[in-house]
Amino acid sequence: TLAVQLAKAWGAGRVIATASSKDKRDLA
């Protein structure tokens, strides 16, 4: 959860998340 936010804050062009449930993917 923190890596997703930091990657965006530091200028990542595209952040791709994986997670095991729809709720978790929605959170990402």
mmCIF file of all heavy atoms, coordinates in Angstrom:
data_MODEL
# 
_entry.id   MODEL 
# 
loop_
_atom_site.group_PDB 
_atom_site.id 
_atom_site.type_symbol 
_atom_site.label_atom_id 
_atom_site.label_alt_id 
_atom_site.label_comp_id 
_atom_site.label_asym_id 
_atom_site.label_entity_id 
_atom_site.label_seq_id 
_atom_site.pdbx_PDB_ins_code 
_atom_site.Cartn_x 
_atom_site.Cartn_y 
_atom_site.Cartn_z 
_atom_site.occupancy 
_atom_site.B_iso_or_equiv 
_atom_site.pdbx_formal_charge 
_atom_site.auth_seq_id 
_atom_site.auth_comp_id 
_atom_site.auth_asym_id 
_atom_site.auth_atom_id 
_atom_site.pdbx_PDB_model_num 
ATOM 1   N N   . THR A 1 1  ? 0.829   -1.209  0.000   1.00 0.00 ? 1  THR A N   1 
ATOM 2   C CA  . THR A 1 1  ? 0.000   0.000   0.000   1.00 0.00 ? 1  THR A CA  1 
ATOM 3   C C   . THR A 1 1  ? 0.866   1.263   0.000   1.00 0.00 ? 1  THR A C   1 
ATOM 4   O O   . THR A 1 1  ? 0.508   2.266   -0.629  1.00 0.00 ? 1  THR A O   1 
ATOM 5   C CB  . THR A 1 1  ? -0.941  0.027   1.217   1.00 0.00 ? 1  THR A CB  1 
ATOM 6   O OG1 . THR A 1 1  ? -0.181  -0.171  2.421   1.00 0.00 ? 1  THR A OG1 1 
ATOM 7   C CG2 . THR A 1 1  ? -2.013  -1.044  1.114   1.00 0.00 ? 1  THR A CG2 1 
ATOM 8   N N   . LEU A 1 2  ? 1.991   1.204   0.692   1.00 0.00 ? 2  LEU A N   1 
ATOM 9   C CA  . LEU A 1 2  ? 2.881   2.357   0.742   1.00 0.00 ? 2  LEU A CA  1 
ATOM 10  C C   . LEU A 1 2  ? 3.729   2.470   -0.521  1.00 0.00 ? 2  LEU A C   1 
ATOM 11  O O   . LEU A 1 2  ? 3.979   3.580   -1.014  1.00 0.00 ? 2  LEU A O   1 
ATOM 12  C CB  . LEU A 1 2  ? 3.766   2.270   1.982   1.00 0.00 ? 2  LEU A CB  1 
ATOM 13  C CG  . LEU A 1 2  ? 2.981   2.391   3.296   1.00 0.00 ? 2  LEU A CG  1 
ATOM 14  C CD1 . LEU A 1 2  ? 3.819   1.929   4.474   1.00 0.00 ? 2  LEU A CD1 1 
ATOM 15  C CD2 . LEU A 1 2  ? 2.497   3.810   3.518   1.00 0.00 ? 2  LEU A CD2 1 
ATOM 16  N N   . ALA A 1 3  ? 4.149   1.334   -1.075  1.00 0.00 ? 3  ALA A N   1 
ATOM 17  C CA  . ALA A 1 3  ? 4.947   1.360   -2.305  1.00 0.00 ? 3  ALA A CA  1 
ATOM 18  C C   . ALA A 1 3  ? 4.150   1.930   -3.473  1.00 0.00 ? 3  ALA A C   1 
ATOM 19  O O   . ALA A 1 3  ? 4.696   2.669   -4.302  1.00 0.00 ? 3  ALA A O   1 
ATOM 20  C CB  . ALA A 1 3  ? 5.450   -0.044  -2.634  1.00 0.00 ? 3  ALA A CB  1 
ATOM 21  N N   . VAL A 1 4  ? 2.865   1.597   -3.553  1.00 0.00 ? 4  VAL A N   1 
ATOM 22  C CA  . VAL A 1 4  ? 2.018   2.158   -4.609  1.00 0.00 ? 4  VAL A CA  1 
ATOM 23  C C   . VAL A 1 4  ? 2.009   3.683   -4.503  1.00 0.00 ? 4  VAL A C   1 
ATOM 24  O O   . VAL A 1 4  ? 2.204   4.401   -5.494  1.00 0.00 ? 4  VAL A O   1 
ATOM 25  C CB  . VAL A 1 4  ? 0.581   1.604   -4.510  1.00 0.00 ? 4  VAL A CB  1 
ATOM 26  C CG1 . VAL A 1 4  ? -0.386  2.428   -5.362  1.00 0.00 ? 4  VAL A CG1 1 
ATOM 27  C CG2 . VAL A 1 4  ? 0.541   0.141   -4.946  1.00 0.00 ? 4  VAL A CG2 1 
ATOM 28  N N   . GLN A 1 5  ? 1.795   4.197   -3.306  1.00 0.00 ? 5  GLN A N   1 
ATOM 29  C CA  . GLN A 1 5  ? 1.711   5.641   -3.115  1.00 0.00 ? 5  GLN A CA  1 
ATOM 30  C C   . GLN A 1 5  ? 3.054   6.328   -3.359  1.00 0.00 ? 5  GLN A C   1 
ATOM 31  O O   . GLN A 1 5  ? 3.118   7.396   -3.979  1.00 0.00 ? 5  GLN A O   1 
ATOM 32  C CB  . GLN A 1 5  ? 1.234   5.949   -1.696  1.00 0.00 ? 5  GLN A CB  1 
ATOM 33  C CG  . GLN A 1 5  ? -0.176  5.459   -1.397  1.00 0.00 ? 5  GLN A CG  1 
ATOM 34  C CD  . GLN A 1 5  ? -0.539  5.671   0.071   1.00 0.00 ? 5  GLN A CD  1 
ATOM 35  O OE1 . GLN A 1 5  ? -0.837  6.783   0.490   1.00 0.00 ? 5  GLN A OE1 1 
ATOM 36  N NE2 . GLN A 1 5  ? -0.501  4.597   0.840   1.00 0.00 ? 5  GLN A NE2 1 
ATOM 37  N N   . LEU A 1 6  ? 4.135   5.724   -2.879  1.00 0.00 ? 6  LEU A N   1 
ATOM 38  C CA  . LEU A 1 6  ? 5.455   6.324   -3.062  1.00 0.00 ? 6  LEU A CA  1 
ATOM 39  C C   . LEU A 1 6  ? 5.842   6.331   -4.537  1.00 0.00 ? 6  LEU A C   1 
ATOM 40  O O   . LEU A 1 6  ? 6.416   7.314   -5.027  1.00 0.00 ? 6  LEU A O   1 
ATOM 41  C CB  . LEU A 1 6  ? 6.498   5.572   -2.247  1.00 0.00 ? 6  LEU A CB  1 
ATOM 42  C CG  . LEU A 1 6  ? 6.441   5.772   -0.735  1.00 0.00 ? 6  LEU A CG  1 
ATOM 43  C CD1 . LEU A 1 6  ? 7.485   4.892   -0.049  1.00 0.00 ? 6  LEU A CD1 1 
ATOM 44  C CD2 . LEU A 1 6  ? 6.667   7.237   -0.358  1.00 0.00 ? 6  LEU A CD2 1 
ATOM 45  N N   . ALA A 1 7  ? 5.562   5.253   -5.252  1.00 0.00 ? 7  ALA A N   1 
ATOM 46  C CA  . ALA A 1 7  ? 5.892   5.199   -6.675  1.00 0.00 ? 7  ALA A CA  1 
ATOM 47  C C   . ALA A 1 7  ? 5.194   6.336   -7.429  1.00 0.00 ? 7  ALA A C   1 
ATOM 48  O O   . ALA A 1 7  ? 5.802   7.016   -8.274  1.00 0.00 ? 7  ALA A O   1 
ATOM 49  C CB  . ALA A 1 7  ? 5.507   3.844   -7.262  1.00 0.00 ? 7  ALA A CB  1 
ATOM 50  N N   . LYS A 1 8  ? 3.922   6.573   -7.108  1.00 0.00 ? 8  LYS A N   1 
ATOM 51  C CA  . LYS A 1 8  ? 3.193   7.673   -7.761  1.00 0.00 ? 8  LYS A CA  1 
ATOM 52  C C   . LYS A 1 8  ? 3.763   9.021   -7.340  1.00 0.00 ? 8  LYS A C   1 
ATOM 53  O O   . LYS A 1 8  ? 3.951   9.921   -8.176  1.00 0.00 ? 8  LYS A O   1 
ATOM 54  C CB  . LYS A 1 8  ? 1.706   7.597   -7.428  1.00 0.00 ? 8  LYS A CB  1 
ATOM 55  C CG  . LYS A 1 8  ? 0.991   6.403   -8.004  1.00 0.00 ? 8  LYS A CG  1 
ATOM 56  C CD  . LYS A 1 8  ? 1.081   6.347   -9.528  1.00 0.00 ? 8  LYS A CD  1 
ATOM 57  C CE  . LYS A 1 8  ? 0.205   7.388   -10.202 1.00 0.00 ? 8  LYS A CE  1 
ATOM 58  N NZ  . LYS A 1 8  ? 0.157   7.178   -11.676 1.00 0.00 ? 8  LYS A NZ  1 
ATOM 59  N N   . ALA A 1 9  ? 4.057   9.167   -6.051  1.00 0.00 ? 9  ALA A N   1 
ATOM 60  C CA  . ALA A 1 9  ? 4.582   10.446  -5.557  1.00 0.00 ? 9  ALA A CA  1 
ATOM 61  C C   . ALA A 1 9  ? 5.934   10.771  -6.175  1.00 0.00 ? 9  ALA A C   1 
ATOM 62  O O   . ALA A 1 9  ? 6.278   11.956  -6.354  1.00 0.00 ? 9  ALA A O   1 
ATOM 63  C CB  . ALA A 1 9  ? 4.698   10.407  -4.039  1.00 0.00 ? 9  ALA A CB  1 
ATOM 64  N N   . TRP A 1 10 ? 6.707   9.744   -6.521  1.00 0.00 ? 10 TRP A N   1 
ATOM 65  C CA  . TRP A 1 10 ? 8.045   9.948   -7.062  1.00 0.00 ? 10 TRP A CA  1 
ATOM 66  C C   . TRP A 1 10 ? 8.088   9.848   -8.585  1.00 0.00 ? 10 TRP A C   1 
ATOM 67  O O   . TRP A 1 10 ? 9.162   9.702   -9.170  1.00 0.00 ? 10 TRP A O   1 
ATOM 68  C CB  . TRP A 1 10 ? 9.009   8.953   -6.431  1.00 0.00 ? 10 TRP A CB  1 
ATOM 69  C CG  . TRP A 1 10 ? 9.232   9.222   -4.964  1.00 0.00 ? 10 TRP A CG  1 
ATOM 70  C CD1 . TRP A 1 10 ? 9.025   10.403  -4.296  1.00 0.00 ? 10 TRP A CD1 1 
ATOM 71  C CD2 . TRP A 1 10 ? 9.699   8.295   -3.974  1.00 0.00 ? 10 TRP A CD2 1 
ATOM 72  N NE1 . TRP A 1 10 ? 9.331   10.265  -2.966  1.00 0.00 ? 10 TRP A NE1 1 
ATOM 73  C CE2 . TRP A 1 10 ? 9.754   8.990   -2.720  1.00 0.00 ? 10 TRP A CE2 1 
ATOM 74  C CE3 . TRP A 1 10 ? 10.079  6.955   -4.001  1.00 0.00 ? 10 TRP A CE3 1 
ATOM 75  C CZ2 . TRP A 1 10 ? 10.164  8.377   -1.544  1.00 0.00 ? 10 TRP A CZ2 1 
ATOM 76  C CZ3 . TRP A 1 10 ? 10.486  6.342   -2.829  1.00 0.00 ? 10 TRP A CZ3 1 
ATOM 77  C CH2 . TRP A 1 10 ? 10.538  7.048   -1.619  1.00 0.00 ? 10 TRP A CH2 1 
ATOM 78  N N   . GLY A 1 11 ? 6.916   9.910   -9.228  1.00 0.00 ? 11 GLY A N   1 
ATOM 79  C CA  . GLY A 1 11 ? 6.891   10.100  -10.670 1.00 0.00 ? 11 GLY A CA  1 
ATOM 80  C C   . GLY A 1 11 ? 6.844   8.863   -11.533 1.00 0.00 ? 11 GLY A C   1 
ATOM 81  O O   . GLY A 1 11 ? 7.158   8.939   -12.731 1.00 0.00 ? 11 GLY A O   1 
ATOM 82  N N   . ALA A 1 12 ? 6.457   7.721   -10.994 1.00 0.00 ? 12 ALA A N   1 
ATOM 83  C CA  . ALA A 1 12 ? 6.324   6.527   -11.833 1.00 0.00 ? 12 ALA A CA  1 
ATOM 84  C C   . ALA A 1 12 ? 5.338   6.802   -12.966 1.00 0.00 ? 12 ALA A C   1 
ATOM 85  O O   . ALA A 1 12 ? 4.301   7.454   -12.773 1.00 0.00 ? 12 ALA A O   1 
ATOM 86  C CB  . ALA A 1 12 ? 5.851   5.340   -11.002 1.00 0.00 ? 12 ALA A CB  1 
ATOM 87  N N   . GLY A 1 13 ? 5.661   6.289   -14.139 1.00 0.00 ? 13 GLY A N   1 
ATOM 88  C CA  . GLY A 1 13 ? 4.783   6.516   -15.273 1.00 0.00 ? 13 GLY A CA  1 
ATOM 89  C C   . GLY A 1 13 ? 3.512   5.708   -15.204 1.00 0.00 ? 13 GLY A C   1 
ATOM 90  O O   . GLY A 1 13 ? 2.436   6.178   -15.583 1.00 0.00 ? 13 GLY A O   1 
ATOM 91  N N   . ARG A 1 14 ? 3.626   4.469   -14.728 1.00 0.00 ? 14 ARG A N   1 
ATOM 92  C CA  . ARG A 1 14 ? 2.459   3.583   -14.638 1.00 0.00 ? 14 ARG A CA  1 
ATOM 93  C C   . ARG A 1 14 ? 2.692   2.624   -13.491 1.00 0.00 ? 14 ARG A C   1 
ATOM 94  O O   . ARG A 1 14 ? 3.729   1.949   -13.436 1.00 0.00 ? 14 ARG A O   1 
ATOM 95  C CB  . ARG A 1 14 ? 2.239   2.831   -15.947 1.00 0.00 ? 14 ARG A CB  1 
ATOM 96  C CG  . ARG A 1 14 ? 0.908   2.091   -16.055 1.00 0.00 ? 14 ARG A CG  1 
ATOM 97  C CD  . ARG A 1 14 ? 0.662   1.657   -17.497 1.00 0.00 ? 14 ARG A CD  1 
ATOM 98  N NE  . ARG A 1 14 ? -0.576  0.914   -17.657 1.00 0.00 ? 14 ARG A NE  1 
ATOM 99  C CZ  . ARG A 1 14 ? -1.785  1.468   -17.782 1.00 0.00 ? 14 ARG A CZ  1 
ATOM 100 N NH1 . ARG A 1 14 ? -1.907  2.782   -17.757 1.00 0.00 ? 14 ARG A NH1 1 
ATOM 101 N NH2 . ARG A 1 14 ? -2.860  0.723   -17.948 1.00 0.00 ? 14 ARG A NH2 1 
ATOM 102 N N   . VAL A 1 15 ? 1.745   2.551   -12.572 1.00 0.00 ? 15 VAL A N   1 
ATOM 103 C CA  . VAL A 1 15 ? 1.840   1.644   -11.428 1.00 0.00 ? 15 VAL A CA  1 
ATOM 104 C C   . VAL A 1 15 ? 0.829   0.529   -11.617 1.00 0.00 ? 15 VAL A C   1 
ATOM 105 O O   . VAL A 1 15 ? -0.373  0.778   -11.762 1.00 0.00 ? 15 VAL A O   1 
ATOM 106 C CB  . VAL A 1 15 ? 1.589   2.375   -10.094 1.00 0.00 ? 15 VAL A CB  1 
ATOM 107 C CG1 . VAL A 1 15 ? 1.583   1.379   -8.933  1.00 0.00 ? 15 VAL A CG1 1 
ATOM 108 C CG2 . VAL A 1 15 ? 2.646   3.446   -9.861  1.00 0.00 ? 15 VAL A CG2 1 
ATOM 109 N N   . ILE A 1 16 ? 1.339   -0.700  -11.617 1.00 0.00 ? 16 ILE A N   1 
ATOM 110 C CA  . ILE A 1 16 ? 0.520   -1.896  -11.818 1.00 0.00 ? 16 ILE A CA  1 
ATOM 111 C C   . ILE A 1 16 ? 0.502   -2.674  -10.510 1.00 0.00 ? 16 ILE A C   1 
ATOM 112 O O   . ILE A 1 16 ? 1.558   -3.079  -10.005 1.00 0.00 ? 16 ILE A O   1 
ATOM 113 C CB  . ILE A 1 16 ? 1.093   -2.765  -12.948 1.00 0.00 ? 16 ILE A CB  1 
ATOM 114 C CG1 . ILE A 1 16 ? 1.139   -1.967  -14.263 1.00 0.00 ? 16 ILE A CG1 1 
ATOM 115 C CG2 . ILE A 1 16 ? 0.284   -4.054  -13.119 1.00 0.00 ? 16 ILE A CG2 1 
ATOM 116 C CD1 . ILE A 1 16 ? 2.083   -2.547  -15.290 1.00 0.00 ? 16 ILE A CD1 1 
ATOM 117 N N   . ALA A 1 17 ? -0.672  -2.871  -9.958  1.00 0.00 ? 17 ALA A N   1 
ATOM 118 C CA  . ALA A 1 17 ? -0.815  -3.568  -8.686  1.00 0.00 ? 17 ALA A CA  1 
ATOM 119 C C   . ALA A 1 17 ? -1.358  -4.970  -8.914  1.00 0.00 ? 17 ALA A C   1 
ATOM 120 O O   . ALA A 1 17 ? -2.143  -5.195  -9.838  1.00 0.00 ? 17 ALA A O   1 
ATOM 121 C CB  . ALA A 1 17 ? -1.758  -2.793  -7.764  1.00 0.00 ? 17 ALA A CB  1 
ATOM 122 N N   . THR A 1 18 ? -0.945  -5.905  -8.066  1.00 0.00 ? 18 THR A N   1 
ATOM 123 C CA  . THR A 1 18 ? -1.597  -7.212  -8.035  1.00 0.00 ? 18 THR A CA  1 
ATOM 124 C C   . THR A 1 18 ? -2.119  -7.440  -6.620  1.00 0.00 ? 18 THR A C   1 
ATOM 125 O O   . THR A 1 18 ? -1.505  -7.020  -5.642  1.00 0.00 ? 18 THR A O   1 
ATOM 126 C CB  . THR A 1 18 ? -0.649  -8.367  -8.427  1.00 0.00 ? 18 THR A CB  1 
ATOM 127 O OG1 . THR A 1 18 ? 0.246   -8.659  -7.348  1.00 0.00 ? 18 THR A OG1 1 
ATOM 128 C CG2 . THR A 1 18 ? 0.141   -8.029  -9.680  1.00 0.00 ? 18 THR A CG2 1 
ATOM 129 N N   . ALA A 1 19 ? -3.260  -8.105  -6.539  1.00 0.00 ? 19 ALA A N   1 
ATOM 130 C CA  . ALA A 1 19 ? -3.867  -8.416  -5.242  1.00 0.00 ? 19 ALA A CA  1 
ATOM 131 C C   . ALA A 1 19 ? -4.840  -9.563  -5.426  1.00 0.00 ? 19 ALA A C   1 
ATOM 132 O O   . ALA A 1 19 ? -5.307  -9.840  -6.539  1.00 0.00 ? 19 ALA A O   1 
ATOM 133 C CB  . ALA A 1 19 ? -4.571  -7.194  -4.657  1.00 0.00 ? 19 ALA A CB  1 
ATOM 134 N N   . SER A 1 20 ? -5.195  -10.215 -4.317  1.00 0.00 ? 20 SER A N   1 
ATOM 135 C CA  . SER A 1 20 ? -5.898  -11.489 -4.383  1.00 0.00 ? 20 SER A CA  1 
ATOM 136 C C   . SER A 1 20 ? -7.420  -11.384 -4.380  1.00 0.00 ? 20 SER A C   1 
ATOM 137 O O   . SER A 1 20 ? -8.090  -12.395 -4.544  1.00 0.00 ? 20 SER A O   1 
ATOM 138 C CB  . SER A 1 20 ? -5.454  -12.381 -3.211  1.00 0.00 ? 20 SER A CB  1 
ATOM 139 O OG  . SER A 1 20 ? -5.748  -11.743 -1.971  1.00 0.00 ? 20 SER A OG  1 
ATOM 140 N N   . SER A 1 21 ? -7.983  -10.200 -4.182  1.00 0.00 ? 21 SER A N   1 
ATOM 141 C CA  . SER A 1 21 ? -9.434  -10.060 -4.172  1.00 0.00 ? 21 SER A CA  1 
ATOM 142 C C   . SER A 1 21 ? -9.829  -8.730  -4.787  1.00 0.00 ? 21 SER A C   1 
ATOM 143 O O   . SER A 1 21 ? -9.006  -7.807  -4.895  1.00 0.00 ? 21 SER A O   1 
ATOM 144 C CB  . SER A 1 21 ? -9.983  -10.133 -2.741  1.00 0.00 ? 21 SER A CB  1 
ATOM 145 O OG  . SER A 1 21 ? -9.621  -8.969  -2.011  1.00 0.00 ? 21 SER A OG  1 
ATOM 146 N N   . LYS A 1 22 ? -11.085 -8.627  -5.188  1.00 0.00 ? 22 LYS A N   1 
ATOM 147 C CA  . LYS A 1 22 ? -11.556 -7.378  -5.794  1.00 0.00 ? 22 LYS A CA  1 
ATOM 148 C C   . LYS A 1 22 ? -11.434 -6.222  -4.816  1.00 0.00 ? 22 LYS A C   1 
ATOM 149 O O   . LYS A 1 22 ? -11.036 -5.111  -5.192  1.00 0.00 ? 22 LYS A O   1 
ATOM 150 C CB  . LYS A 1 22 ? -13.002 -7.518  -6.259  1.00 0.00 ? 22 LYS A CB  1 
ATOM 151 C CG  . LYS A 1 22 ? -13.532 -6.261  -6.961  1.00 0.00 ? 22 LYS A CG  1 
ATOM 152 C CD  . LYS A 1 22 ? -14.954 -6.425  -7.426  1.00 0.00 ? 22 LYS A CD  1 
ATOM 153 C CE  . LYS A 1 22 ? -15.419 -5.184  -8.200  1.00 0.00 ? 22 LYS A CE  1 
ATOM 154 N NZ  . LYS A 1 22 ? -15.300 -3.934  -7.421  1.00 0.00 ? 22 LYS A NZ  1 
ATOM 155 N N   . ASP A 1 23 ? -11.781 -6.452  -3.546  1.00 0.00 ? 23 ASP A N   1 
ATOM 156 C CA  . ASP A 1 23 ? -11.674 -5.383  -2.556  1.00 0.00 ? 23 ASP A CA  1 
ATOM 157 C C   . ASP A 1 23 ? -10.242 -4.882  -2.446  1.00 0.00 ? 23 ASP A C   1 
ATOM 158 O O   . ASP A 1 23 ? -9.991  -3.674  -2.339  1.00 0.00 ? 23 ASP A O   1 
ATOM 159 C CB  . ASP A 1 23 ? -12.167 -5.868  -1.189  1.00 0.00 ? 23 ASP A CB  1 
ATOM 160 C CG  . ASP A 1 23 ? -13.682 -5.993  -1.123  1.00 0.00 ? 23 ASP A CG  1 
ATOM 161 O OD1 . ASP A 1 23 ? -14.371 -5.480  -2.038  1.00 0.00 ? 23 ASP A OD1 1 
ATOM 162 O OD2 . ASP A 1 23 ? -14.182 -6.611  -0.160  1.00 0.00 ? 23 ASP A OD2 1 
ATOM 163 N N   . LYS A 1 24 ? -9.287  -5.796  -2.460  1.00 0.00 ? 24 LYS A N   1 
ATOM 164 C CA  . LYS A 1 24 ? -7.885  -5.398  -2.352  1.00 0.00 ? 24 LYS A CA  1 
ATOM 165 C C   . LYS A 1 24 ? -7.423  -4.676  -3.619  1.00 0.00 ? 24 LYS A C   1 
ATOM 166 O O   . LYS A 1 24 ? -6.652  -3.710  -3.548  1.00 0.00 ? 24 LYS A O   1 
ATOM 167 C CB  . LYS A 1 24 ? -7.009  -6.620  -2.082  1.00 0.00 ? 24 LYS A CB  1 
ATOM 168 C CG  . LYS A 1 24 ? -7.216  -7.224  -0.693  1.00 0.00 ? 24 LYS A CG  1 
ATOM 169 C CD  . LYS A 1 24 ? -6.267  -8.382  -0.448  1.00 0.00 ? 24 LYS A CD  1 
ATOM 170 C CE  . LYS A 1 24 ? -6.427  -8.930  0.965   1.00 0.00 ? 24 LYS A CE  1 
ATOM 171 N NZ  . LYS A 1 24 ? -5.473  -10.006 1.267   1.00 0.00 ? 24 LYS A NZ  1 
ATOM 172 N N   . ARG A 1 25 ? -7.908  -5.127  -4.761  1.00 0.00 ? 25 ARG A N   1 
ATOM 173 C CA  . ARG A 1 25 ? -7.542  -4.441  -6.006  1.00 0.00 ? 25 ARG A CA  1 
ATOM 174 C C   . ARG A 1 25 ? -8.157  -3.040  -6.043  1.00 0.00 ? 25 ARG A C   1 
ATOM 175 O O   . ARG A 1 25 ? -7.519  -2.081  -6.490  1.00 0.00 ? 25 ARG A O   1 
ATOM 176 C CB  . ARG A 1 25 ? -7.961  -5.273  -7.215  1.00 0.00 ? 25 ARG A CB  1 
ATOM 177 C CG  . ARG A 1 25 ? -7.168  -6.576  -7.354  1.00 0.00 ? 25 ARG A CG  1 
ATOM 178 C CD  . ARG A 1 25 ? -7.400  -7.268  -8.667  1.00 0.00 ? 25 ARG A CD  1 
ATOM 179 N NE  . ARG A 1 25 ? -8.722  -7.862  -8.781  1.00 0.00 ? 25 ARG A NE  1 
ATOM 180 C CZ  . ARG A 1 25 ? -9.044  -9.073  -8.339  1.00 0.00 ? 25 ARG A CZ  1 
ATOM 181 N NH1 . ARG A 1 25 ? -8.133  -9.817  -7.707  1.00 0.00 ? 25 ARG A NH1 1 
ATOM 182 N NH2 . ARG A 1 25 ? -10.264 -9.556  -8.502  1.00 0.00 ? 25 ARG A NH2 1 
ATOM 183 N N   . ASP A 1 26 ? -9.379  -2.917  -5.551  1.00 0.00 ? 26 ASP A N   1 
ATOM 184 C CA  . ASP A 1 26 ? -10.016 -1.598  -5.485  1.00 0.00 ? 26 ASP A CA  1 
ATOM 185 C C   . ASP A 1 26 ? -9.232  -0.666  -4.554  1.00 0.00 ? 26 ASP A C   1 
ATOM 186 O O   . ASP A 1 26 ? -9.095  0.529   -4.832  1.00 0.00 ? 26 ASP A O   1 
ATOM 187 C CB  . ASP A 1 26 ? -11.463 -1.731  -5.010  1.00 0.00 ? 26 ASP A CB  1 
ATOM 188 C CG  . ASP A 1 26 ? -12.381 -2.323  -6.062  1.00 0.00 ? 26 ASP A CG  1 
ATOM 189 O OD1 . ASP A 1 26 ? -11.978 -2.377  -7.248  1.00 0.00 ? 26 ASP A OD1 1 
ATOM 190 O OD2 . ASP A 1 26 ? -13.503 -2.737  -5.702  1.00 0.00 ? 26 ASP A OD2 1 
ATOM 191 N N   . LEU A 1 27 ? -8.726  -1.207  -3.449  1.00 0.00 ? 27 LEU A N   1 
ATOM 192 C CA  . LEU A 1 27 ? -7.920  -0.411  -2.536  1.00 0.00 ? 27 LEU A CA  1 
ATOM 193 C C   . LEU A 1 27 ? -6.667  0.094   -3.243  1.00 0.00 ? 27 LEU A C   1 
ATOM 194 O O   . LEU A 1 27 ? -6.294  1.271   -3.107  1.00 0.00 ? 27 LEU A O   1 
ATOM 195 C CB  . LEU A 1 27 ? -7.539  -1.238  -1.309  1.00 0.00 ? 27 LEU A CB  1 
ATOM 196 C CG  . LEU A 1 27 ? -6.540  -0.589  -0.334  1.00 0.00 ? 27 LEU A CG  1 
ATOM 197 C CD1 . LEU A 1 27 ? -7.101  0.709   0.243   1.00 0.00 ? 27 LEU A CD1 1 
ATOM 198 C CD2 . LEU A 1 27 ? -6.176  -1.560  0.786   1.00 0.00 ? 27 LEU A CD2 1 
ATOM 199 N N   . ALA A 1 28 ? -5.997  -0.783  -3.984  1.00 0.00 ? 28 ALA A N   1 
ATOM 200 C CA  . ALA A 1 28 ? -4.786  -0.379  -4.700  1.00 0.00 ? 28 ALA A CA  1 
ATOM 201 C C   . ALA A 1 28 ? -5.081  0.741   -5.698  1.00 0.00 ? 28 ALA A C   1 
ATOM 202 O O   . ALA A 1 28 ? -4.302  1.695   -5.825  1.00 0.00 ? 28 ALA A O   1 
ATOM 203 C CB  . ALA A 1 28 ? -4.177  -1.582  -5.411  1.00 0.00 ? 28 ALA A CB  1 
# 
